[in-house]
Amino acid sequence: MSVSRIARPALTLLAALTVATVVAAMGAGAAAAAPHIAVTWKSPPRMANLDVTPTSRGYHRSDASPAAANYCCSVRSTQIDPKSWPVKVDACETRPSRNQLIGRFRFEADAEILGSGCERTLYFDHQGEHEVTVTATDSSGASSTKSLTVRSKDFLVASIGDSYASGEGVPPYADHRCDRSAQASPAIAARDLEMASPASVTFIHLACSGAKIEGWPGEAAGHGGLIEGYLGANKVGDEELRPQLNELHDLIKRRPLDALVVSIGGNDIGFSKLIEGCLGGRECYVEGSESRRIFDDAIKRLPGLFDDLHAAVGKELGDAVDPRRVYLTGYPDPTMDAQGEYCTALFGGLTIRQNAYRWASETILAELTRVMREKAGEFGWQFVAPSDDFRTHGYCATDPWFTSLSTSLIQQFDTLGVFHPNAAGHRSLGASLFAAMRSDLLPGGERS
């Protein structure tokens, strides 16, 4: 028998083994080269139409009181508590195996197969955690599957109160009767919350310039705001807006609030009347002056007014808001220049004495802040203080964070914006408010 006859079977076997090894290696390589799935998710934004640039009205009209046009909400009233909650799942950054293309995607959520395409908006009938599976298949037929947990979550944030919350001084206004602006600090904080989180934010903006907790004793109807009706800063005949707490109750229905922002107290002590009494260099701060009388009487009433507000919040909202998620915002001090010294400047050609600025800071604002802090602590609310940076950005500073008389006249053709925060001031107030909300509402920041 020749050597060649003996070697031929061995060579054939060797070749077969070699081919098998190569095929196995190719198979292993193909398995290793399956698509690499990359997935992100986020609830679609609900604050997007409230751009801080003055481009559009933005807010939707409330239908809680159809008789009064009240533009207040980042979404339509019917969408404050919708039947389904969307989550946008994005797998478009998935990488295919070498020299291949992704042929198809498959999304499964709650055991339901939901079509193809690298990006899908999934709808869930309740907020919470949901299991989602994404499968990607490339043009070679290789596929990968990734399972993840997504969370459908929408924060419901409401703002009630006066001009410092409505955004007086930073037009354009979505609702001119209330001078309600998308650049107001509560709107900025709500927008920042949405940008910093995979959750969306529904924002209800009911604060109205000039609003008080309730009208002064003996005052005509229509001068309340939070717990009594209010005609508005710019009246529309005799048409009253409903109390803000009643309006909020009807808008949210049974949906709980994640945050309630409250700015109130300044009009309840007659702050604008006090300032008017100081114009022309009058000694408004001395014992026996009309301004002193107004302030002394009002500051005595203020604790009782906050008690009335607390009772009304409990009555109208009940368990819909956790007291720890009520943010009572303090008022910034407009009385100092860039060096932190009290202003000596003129106010629209009318002198205000430096001692008047000092009285406004050390007595009016100090006492107002004291009452607000005490009541917030008593009610279990949070008091959110303005940044200390305001002390060098007052009305007469070289870089003021407050609206001047001339700016108010130019921007909105009236004097209502004077002494209110300008855009820079609202950004600072919004940052302080967002910091408080973030520690409470975002993952890792929940209070025990």
Protein backbone atom coordinates (compact mmCIF):
# COMPACT_ATOMS: atom_id res chain seq x y z
CA MET A 1 0.00 0.00 0.00
CA SER A 2 1.46 3.39 -1.00
CA VAL A 3 2.10 6.24 1.38
CA SER A 4 -0.21 8.52 -0.61
CA ARG A 5 -3.15 6.16 -0.06
CA ILE A 6 -2.51 6.18 3.67
CA ALA A 7 -2.17 10.02 3.90
CA ARG A 8 -5.27 10.95 1.82
CA PRO A 9 -7.87 10.09 4.54
CA ALA A 10 -5.78 11.88 7.14
CA LEU A 11 -5.51 14.97 4.97
CA THR A 12 -9.25 14.92 4.34
CA LEU A 13 -9.92 14.69 8.07
CA LEU A 14 -7.43 17.49 8.76
CA ALA A 15 -9.13 19.74 6.19
CA ALA A 16 -12.54 19.04 7.68
CA LEU A 17 -11.29 19.87 11.13
CA THR A 18 -9.75 23.08 9.83
CA VAL A 19 -12.97 24.15 8.14
CA ALA A 20 -14.97 23.35 11.26
CA THR A 21 -12.55 25.39 13.36
CA VAL A 22 -12.80 28.36 11.01
CA VAL A 23 -16.61 28.14 10.91
CA ALA A 24 -16.73 27.93 14.68
CA ALA A 25 -14.41 30.90 14.94
CA MET A 26 -16.57 32.83 12.50
CA GLY A 27 -19.65 31.93 14.49
CA ALA A 28 -18.00 33.05 17.67
CA GLY A 29 -16.93 36.26 15.99
CA ALA A 30 -20.44 36.87 14.71
CA ALA A 31 -21.86 36.35 18.17
CA ALA A 32 -19.30 38.72 19.61
CA ALA A 33 -20.13 41.28 16.93
CA ALA A 34 -23.86 41.51 17.65
CA PRO A 35 -25.30 45.04 17.94
CA HIS A 36 -24.44 47.01 21.06
CA ILE A 37 -27.69 48.52 22.34
CA ALA A 38 -27.61 52.01 23.87
CA VAL A 39 -30.89 53.27 25.33
CA THR A 40 -31.98 56.51 26.99
CA TRP A 41 -35.45 57.57 28.10
CA LYS A 42 -37.28 60.68 29.24
CA SER A 43 -40.83 61.87 29.63
CA PRO A 44 -41.59 64.38 26.84
CA PRO A 45 -41.33 67.97 28.15
CA ARG A 46 -44.47 69.84 29.14
CA MET A 47 -42.72 73.15 29.77
CA ALA A 48 -41.36 73.51 26.24
CA ASN A 49 -43.95 76.04 25.12
CA LEU A 50 -43.04 78.36 28.02
CA ASP A 51 -39.81 79.57 26.44
CA VAL A 52 -38.11 82.31 28.45
CA THR A 53 -37.65 84.35 25.29
CA PRO A 54 -40.59 86.61 24.44
CA THR A 55 -41.90 84.65 21.46
CA SER A 56 -45.45 83.60 22.28
CA ARG A 57 -48.27 83.64 24.80
CA GLY A 58 -47.31 80.13 25.92
CA TYR A 59 -49.85 79.54 28.66
CA HIS A 60 -53.15 77.74 28.10
CA ARG A 61 -56.43 79.07 29.37
CA SER A 62 -58.00 77.54 32.46
CA ASP A 63 -61.40 75.94 31.99
CA ALA A 64 -62.08 75.78 35.72
CA SER A 65 -63.92 79.09 35.47
CA PRO A 66 -64.88 79.59 31.80
CA ALA A 67 -66.50 82.96 32.50
CA ALA A 68 -63.07 84.50 33.17
CA ALA A 69 -60.19 84.25 30.71
CA ASN A 70 -57.36 83.05 32.94
CA TYR A 71 -54.18 81.97 31.14
CA CYS A 72 -52.31 79.91 33.68
CA CYS A 73 -51.19 76.46 32.61
CA SER A 74 -48.28 74.90 30.72
CA VAL A 75 -50.72 72.38 29.22
CA ARG A 76 -54.40 72.45 28.47
CA SER A 77 -56.56 72.04 31.54
CA THR A 78 -57.80 68.68 30.26
CA GLN A 79 -54.19 67.43 30.15
CA ILE A 80 -53.28 68.25 33.76
CA ASP A 81 -54.39 64.73 34.68
CA PRO A 82 -54.44 62.81 31.36
CA LYS A 83 -55.53 59.23 30.75
CA SER A 84 -52.02 58.09 29.77
CA TRP A 85 -48.46 59.13 30.53
CA PRO A 86 -45.81 59.06 27.76
CA VAL A 87 -42.17 58.02 27.98
CA LYS A 88 -39.86 58.55 25.01
CA VAL A 89 -37.42 55.62 24.63
CA ASP A 90 -34.44 56.34 22.35
CA ALA A 91 -32.19 53.54 21.03
CA CYS A 92 -30.82 55.50 18.07
CA GLU A 93 -27.26 55.43 19.45
CA THR A 94 -27.19 51.61 19.14
CA ARG A 95 -24.05 50.44 17.29
CA PRO A 96 -24.32 47.58 14.75
CA SER A 97 -21.67 44.90 14.23
CA ARG A 98 -18.81 45.69 11.82
CA ASN A 99 -19.86 46.45 8.24
CA GLN A 100 -23.50 45.91 9.09
CA LEU A 101 -26.56 48.12 9.44
CA ILE A 102 -29.34 47.95 12.02
CA GLY A 103 -32.25 46.42 10.16
CA ARG A 104 -34.97 46.72 12.76
CA PHE A 105 -35.81 47.50 16.36
CA ARG A 106 -38.47 45.99 18.52
CA PHE A 107 -39.81 47.53 21.70
CA GLU A 108 -41.81 45.61 24.29
CA ALA A 109 -43.46 47.25 27.27
CA ASP A 110 -45.78 45.56 29.76
CA ALA A 111 -45.71 42.43 27.51
CA GLU A 112 -46.91 44.40 24.47
CA ILE A 113 -44.86 44.56 21.25
CA LEU A 114 -44.81 48.16 20.09
CA GLY A 115 -43.48 48.37 16.53
CA SER A 116 -40.13 49.38 15.04
CA GLY A 117 -37.89 52.39 14.48
CA CYS A 118 -35.07 53.38 16.81
CA GLU A 119 -37.21 55.78 18.83
CA ARG A 120 -40.63 55.19 20.30
CA THR A 121 -42.97 57.06 22.62
CA LEU A 122 -44.61 54.54 24.91
CA TYR A 123 -47.85 55.31 26.74
CA PHE A 124 -48.72 53.98 30.18
CA ASP A 125 -52.02 54.20 32.01
CA HIS A 126 -50.37 55.20 35.29
CA GLN A 127 -47.23 56.88 36.57
CA GLY A 128 -44.52 54.63 37.99
CA GLU A 129 -41.94 52.07 36.94
CA HIS A 130 -42.39 49.96 33.80
CA GLU A 131 -40.29 47.18 32.28
CA VAL A 132 -39.21 47.80 28.69
CA THR A 133 -37.27 45.44 26.39
CA VAL A 134 -35.45 46.66 23.28
CA THR A 135 -34.22 44.24 20.60
CA ALA A 136 -31.97 45.38 17.75
CA THR A 137 -31.25 43.19 14.70
CA ASP A 138 -28.60 44.05 12.09
CA SER A 139 -28.44 43.19 8.40
CA SER A 140 -26.52 39.96 9.07
CA GLY A 141 -29.34 38.68 11.24
CA ALA A 142 -27.39 39.12 14.48
CA SER A 143 -29.48 40.56 17.30
CA SER A 144 -29.16 41.82 20.85
CA THR A 145 -31.75 42.42 23.55
CA LYS A 146 -31.61 44.82 26.47
CA SER A 147 -34.12 45.10 29.29
CA LEU A 148 -34.47 48.23 31.38
CA THR A 149 -36.81 49.92 33.83
CA VAL A 150 -38.27 53.27 32.81
CA ARG A 151 -40.27 55.55 35.05
CA SER A 152 -43.21 57.55 33.81
CA LYS A 153 -43.24 60.59 36.06
CA ASP A 154 -44.65 64.08 35.80
CA PHE A 155 -44.11 66.62 38.57
CA LEU A 156 -47.15 68.82 39.22
CA VAL A 157 -45.96 72.26 40.34
CA ALA A 158 -48.32 75.15 41.13
CA SER A 159 -47.55 78.78 41.91
CA ILE A 160 -49.95 81.05 43.79
CA GLY A 161 -49.48 84.53 45.20
CA ASP A 162 -48.64 88.06 44.16
CA SER A 163 -46.56 90.06 41.68
CA TYR A 164 -43.22 88.63 42.81
CA ALA A 165 -44.45 85.20 41.72
CA SER A 166 -46.49 86.33 38.71
CA GLY A 167 -43.44 87.93 37.09
CA GLU A 168 -44.41 91.61 37.25
CA GLY A 169 -41.57 93.59 35.70
CA VAL A 170 -40.53 90.98 33.11
CA PRO A 171 -42.94 91.19 30.16
CA PRO A 172 -44.36 89.93 27.85
CA TYR A 173 -47.30 88.75 29.89
CA ALA A 174 -49.36 85.68 29.07
CA ASP A 175 -52.23 87.12 31.10
CA HIS A 176 -52.20 90.91 31.23
CA ARG A 177 -54.84 91.10 33.96
CA CYS A 178 -52.39 89.38 36.30
CA ASP A 179 -49.14 90.37 34.53
CA ARG A 180 -48.22 86.71 34.48
CA SER A 181 -44.87 85.99 32.81
CA ALA A 182 -43.01 82.87 31.69
CA GLN A 183 -39.87 84.55 33.08
CA ALA A 184 -41.21 84.54 36.65
CA SER A 185 -39.02 82.75 39.17
CA PRO A 186 -41.48 79.86 39.84
CA ALA A 187 -41.69 79.19 36.08
CA ILE A 188 -37.89 79.23 35.86
CA ALA A 189 -37.61 76.76 38.76
CA ALA A 190 -40.21 74.45 37.18
CA ARG A 191 -38.39 74.59 33.85
CA ASP A 192 -35.05 73.84 35.52
CA LEU A 193 -36.62 70.90 37.34
CA GLU A 194 -37.80 69.43 34.05
CA MET A 195 -34.40 69.94 32.39
CA ALA A 196 -32.54 68.31 35.28
CA SER A 197 -34.73 65.21 35.43
CA PRO A 198 -36.03 62.44 33.15
CA ALA A 199 -39.48 63.46 34.41
CA SER A 200 -41.71 66.10 32.86
CA VAL A 201 -43.27 69.03 34.72
CA THR A 202 -46.82 70.35 34.56
CA PHE A 203 -46.86 73.95 35.75
CA ILE A 204 -49.96 75.82 36.96
CA HIS A 205 -49.21 79.54 37.23
CA LEU A 206 -52.02 81.29 39.14
CA ALA A 207 -50.06 84.06 40.89
CA CYS A 208 -51.51 87.48 40.12
CA SER A 209 -49.93 90.90 40.48
CA GLY A 210 -51.41 92.86 43.37
CA ALA A 211 -52.96 89.84 45.06
CA LYS A 212 -53.35 89.60 48.82
CA ILE A 213 -54.37 86.72 51.06
CA GLU A 214 -57.68 88.49 51.58
CA GLY A 215 -58.96 92.06 51.36
CA TRP A 216 -58.24 94.59 54.08
CA PRO A 217 -60.91 95.31 56.70
CA GLY A 218 -63.58 97.53 55.17
CA GLU A 219 -62.14 97.17 51.67
CA ALA A 220 -64.54 96.66 48.76
CA ALA A 221 -64.95 93.21 47.22
CA GLY A 222 -62.50 92.19 44.54
CA HIS A 223 -59.29 93.02 46.44
CA GLY A 224 -58.35 89.57 47.68
CA GLY A 225 -56.47 87.01 45.65
CA LEU A 226 -55.71 83.73 47.41
CA ILE A 227 -58.84 83.05 49.45
CA GLU A 228 -61.11 85.85 48.17
CA GLY A 229 -61.97 87.02 44.67
CA TYR A 230 -59.74 89.53 42.89
CA LEU A 231 -60.30 91.99 40.04
CA GLY A 232 -56.67 91.77 38.92
CA ALA A 233 -53.87 94.30 38.50
CA ASN A 234 -55.42 95.37 35.18
CA LYS A 235 -59.18 95.10 35.57
CA VAL A 236 -61.59 93.72 32.97
CA GLY A 237 -64.75 95.58 33.92
CA ASP A 238 -66.19 94.20 37.14
CA GLU A 239 -65.22 90.61 36.34
CA GLU A 240 -63.55 88.95 39.31
CA LEU A 241 -61.05 86.16 39.17
CA ARG A 242 -61.92 83.33 41.53
CA PRO A 243 -59.71 82.88 44.59
CA GLN A 244 -56.49 81.23 43.50
CA LEU A 245 -56.89 78.30 45.89
CA ASN A 246 -60.40 77.56 44.59
CA GLU A 247 -59.13 77.71 41.02
CA LEU A 248 -56.23 75.38 41.85
CA HIS A 249 -58.57 72.90 43.56
CA ASP A 250 -60.72 72.62 40.44
CA LEU A 251 -57.77 72.41 38.05
CA ILE A 252 -55.93 69.55 39.74
CA LYS A 253 -59.11 67.65 40.70
CA ARG A 254 -57.81 64.57 42.54
CA ARG A 255 -54.22 64.73 41.35
CA PRO A 256 -51.68 65.41 44.15
CA LEU A 257 -49.25 68.31 43.93
CA ASP A 258 -45.51 67.70 44.03
CA ALA A 259 -44.77 71.34 44.89
CA LEU A 260 -46.82 74.40 45.81
CA VAL A 261 -44.98 77.73 45.56
CA VAL A 262 -46.46 80.60 47.58
CA SER A 263 -45.39 84.26 47.41
CA ILE A 264 -47.62 86.45 49.56
CA GLY A 265 -47.54 89.03 52.33
CA GLY A 266 -46.10 92.13 50.65
CA ASN A 267 -49.46 93.52 49.56
CA ASP A 268 -51.04 92.46 52.84
CA ILE A 269 -48.81 94.94 54.67
CA GLY A 270 -49.40 97.59 51.98
CA PHE A 271 -45.83 97.70 50.68
CA SER A 272 -46.65 99.88 47.67
CA LYS A 273 -48.56 102.34 49.88
CA LEU A 274 -45.59 102.49 52.24
CA ILE A 275 -43.22 103.34 49.39
CA GLU A 276 -45.60 106.01 48.05
CA GLY A 277 -45.57 107.60 51.48
CA CYS A 278 -41.78 107.98 51.23
CA LEU A 279 -41.71 109.81 47.88
CA GLY A 280 -40.73 113.44 47.77
CA GLY A 281 -38.31 113.08 50.65
CA ARG A 282 -41.07 112.65 53.21
CA GLU A 283 -40.07 111.21 56.56
CA CYS A 284 -42.32 108.19 56.22
CA TYR A 285 -40.37 106.29 58.84
CA VAL A 286 -40.96 108.58 61.82
CA GLU A 287 -43.40 107.87 64.60
CA GLY A 288 -46.83 109.29 63.80
CA SER A 289 -46.45 109.27 60.01
CA GLU A 290 -49.19 107.72 57.86
CA SER A 291 -46.79 105.07 56.53
CA ARG A 292 -45.81 104.05 60.06
CA ARG A 293 -49.47 103.79 61.04
CA ILE A 294 -50.29 101.61 58.01
CA PHE A 295 -47.32 99.36 58.64
CA ASP A 296 -47.81 99.00 62.40
CA ASP A 297 -51.45 98.00 61.92
CA ALA A 298 -50.75 95.65 59.00
CA ILE A 299 -47.87 93.76 60.58
CA LYS A 300 -50.07 93.00 63.60
CA ARG A 301 -52.73 91.51 61.31
CA LEU A 302 -50.29 89.50 59.20
CA PRO A 303 -49.89 86.40 61.44
CA GLY A 304 -53.67 85.97 61.50
CA LEU A 305 -53.82 86.29 57.71
CA PHE A 306 -51.27 83.51 57.33
CA ASP A 307 -53.36 81.40 59.71
CA ASP A 308 -56.34 81.99 57.42
CA LEU A 309 -54.22 80.99 54.41
CA HIS A 310 -53.05 77.81 56.11
CA ALA A 311 -56.63 76.86 56.92
CA ALA A 312 -57.70 77.55 53.32
CA VAL A 313 -54.88 75.40 51.92
CA GLY A 314 -56.06 72.56 54.13
CA LYS A 315 -59.67 73.03 53.10
CA GLU A 316 -59.14 73.36 49.34
CA LEU A 317 -56.20 71.02 48.83
CA GLY A 318 -56.27 68.66 51.82
CA ASP A 319 -54.04 65.64 51.23
CA ALA A 320 -53.24 66.84 47.70
CA VAL A 321 -50.15 68.62 49.03
CA ASP A 322 -47.58 67.54 51.61
CA PRO A 323 -46.83 70.53 53.90
CA ARG A 324 -43.11 69.86 53.38
CA ARG A 325 -43.65 70.55 49.68
CA VAL A 326 -45.10 74.02 50.23
CA TYR A 327 -42.40 76.59 49.43
CA LEU A 328 -43.03 80.04 50.91
CA THR A 329 -40.67 82.41 49.08
CA GLY A 330 -39.14 85.44 50.75
CA TYR A 331 -38.87 88.93 49.29
CA PRO A 332 -35.51 90.27 48.07
CA ASP A 333 -34.19 93.56 49.43
CA PRO A 334 -34.09 96.36 46.78
CA THR A 335 -32.62 99.06 49.02
CA MET A 336 -28.84 98.75 48.52
CA ASP A 337 -26.21 99.75 46.00
CA ALA A 338 -23.24 97.79 44.63
CA GLN A 339 -21.29 98.33 47.86
CA GLY A 340 -24.14 97.14 50.07
CA GLU A 341 -24.90 100.68 51.24
CA TYR A 342 -28.41 102.07 51.40
CA CYS A 343 -29.55 103.95 48.31
CA THR A 344 -29.51 107.72 48.14
CA ALA A 345 -30.73 107.83 44.55
CA LEU A 346 -33.75 109.59 43.15
CA PHE A 347 -36.88 107.68 42.26
CA GLY A 348 -38.24 109.02 38.97
CA GLY A 349 -37.23 112.54 39.94
CA LEU A 350 -38.72 112.21 43.43
CA THR A 351 -36.29 111.99 46.32
CA ILE A 352 -36.43 109.06 48.73
CA ARG A 353 -34.39 109.66 51.86
CA GLN A 354 -31.65 107.21 52.74
CA ASN A 355 -33.35 106.68 56.10
CA ALA A 356 -36.49 105.63 54.22
CA TYR A 357 -34.53 102.95 52.40
CA ARG A 358 -33.04 101.88 55.74
CA TRP A 359 -36.52 101.69 57.32
CA ALA A 360 -37.78 99.63 54.38
CA SER A 361 -34.92 97.16 54.82
CA GLU A 362 -34.41 96.98 58.57
CA THR A 363 -38.05 97.26 59.64
CA ILE A 364 -40.55 96.53 56.86
CA LEU A 365 -38.73 93.66 55.11
CA ALA A 366 -37.17 92.37 58.32
CA GLU A 367 -40.52 92.12 60.12
CA LEU A 368 -42.26 90.68 57.07
CA THR A 369 -39.54 88.03 56.73
CA ARG A 370 -39.71 87.23 60.44
CA VAL A 371 -43.45 86.55 60.30
CA MET A 372 -43.09 84.47 57.14
CA ARG A 373 -40.29 82.36 58.61
CA GLU A 374 -42.18 81.79 61.83
CA LYS A 375 -45.40 80.81 60.08
CA ALA A 376 -43.62 78.54 57.62
CA GLY A 377 -42.01 76.71 60.53
CA GLU A 378 -45.32 76.50 62.39
CA PHE A 379 -47.12 75.03 59.37
CA GLY A 380 -44.32 72.63 58.37
CA TRP A 381 -43.73 74.60 55.16
CA GLN A 382 -40.34 75.52 53.76
CA PHE A 383 -39.19 79.12 53.73
CA VAL A 384 -37.01 79.88 50.69
CA ALA A 385 -34.85 82.94 51.29
CA PRO A 386 -33.51 85.06 48.42
CA SER A 387 -29.79 84.94 47.70
CA ASP A 388 -27.58 87.34 49.66
CA ASP A 389 -26.35 88.57 46.26
CA PHE A 390 -29.36 90.88 46.15
CA ARG A 391 -27.64 93.02 48.77
CA THR A 392 -25.29 94.39 46.09
CA HIS A 393 -27.84 94.43 43.25
CA GLY A 394 -30.49 96.74 44.67
CA TYR A 395 -32.55 99.38 42.89
CA CYS A 396 -29.70 101.93 42.80
CA ALA A 397 -26.83 99.49 42.10
CA THR A 398 -24.75 99.72 38.93
CA ASP A 399 -26.05 96.26 38.00
CA PRO A 400 -29.55 96.30 39.47
CA TRP A 401 -31.73 93.20 39.75
CA PHE A 402 -34.84 95.38 40.03
CA THR A 403 -36.95 97.16 37.43
CA SER A 404 -36.58 100.94 37.36
CA LEU A 405 -39.35 103.44 36.74
CA SER A 406 -38.06 104.29 33.26
CA THR A 407 -37.69 100.62 32.30
CA SER A 408 -41.23 99.86 33.48
CA LEU A 409 -42.62 102.75 31.43
CA ILE A 410 -40.69 101.68 28.33
CA GLN A 411 -41.36 97.95 28.62
CA GLN A 412 -44.99 97.86 29.68
CA PHE A 413 -46.26 101.47 29.48
CA ASP A 414 -47.15 101.63 33.18
CA THR A 415 -45.46 101.88 36.57
CA LEU A 416 -46.49 98.48 37.92
CA GLY A 417 -43.07 96.92 37.26
CA VAL A 418 -41.16 99.36 39.49
CA PHE A 419 -39.21 97.81 42.40
CA HIS A 420 -39.97 94.30 41.13
CA PRO A 421 -37.17 91.89 40.14
CA ASN A 422 -36.01 92.18 36.56
CA ALA A 423 -34.94 89.18 34.46
CA ALA A 424 -31.64 88.80 36.37
CA GLY A 425 -33.48 89.05 39.68
CA HIS A 426 -35.98 86.39 38.70
CA ARG A 427 -33.18 84.10 37.54
CA SER A 428 -31.58 84.39 40.97
CA LEU A 429 -34.89 83.79 42.77
CA GLY A 430 -35.62 80.88 40.45
CA ALA A 431 -32.24 79.32 41.21
CA SER A 432 -32.87 79.49 44.97
CA LEU A 433 -36.31 77.95 44.56
CA PHE A 434 -35.02 75.23 42.25
CA ALA A 435 -32.29 74.31 44.74
CA ALA A 436 -34.93 73.72 47.42
CA MET A 437 -37.19 71.73 45.09
CA ARG A 438 -34.32 69.67 43.68
CA SER A 439 -33.25 68.38 47.08
CA ASP A 440 -36.81 67.19 47.69
CA LEU A 441 -37.99 65.92 44.33
CA LEU A 442 -35.10 64.51 42.34
CA PRO A 443 -33.67 61.01 42.89
CA GLY A 444 -31.22 60.91 45.78
CA GLY A 445 -32.67 64.08 47.28
CA GLU A 446 -35.80 62.72 48.95
CA ARG A 447 -36.27 63.80 52.53
CA SER A 448 -36.47 61.04 55.08
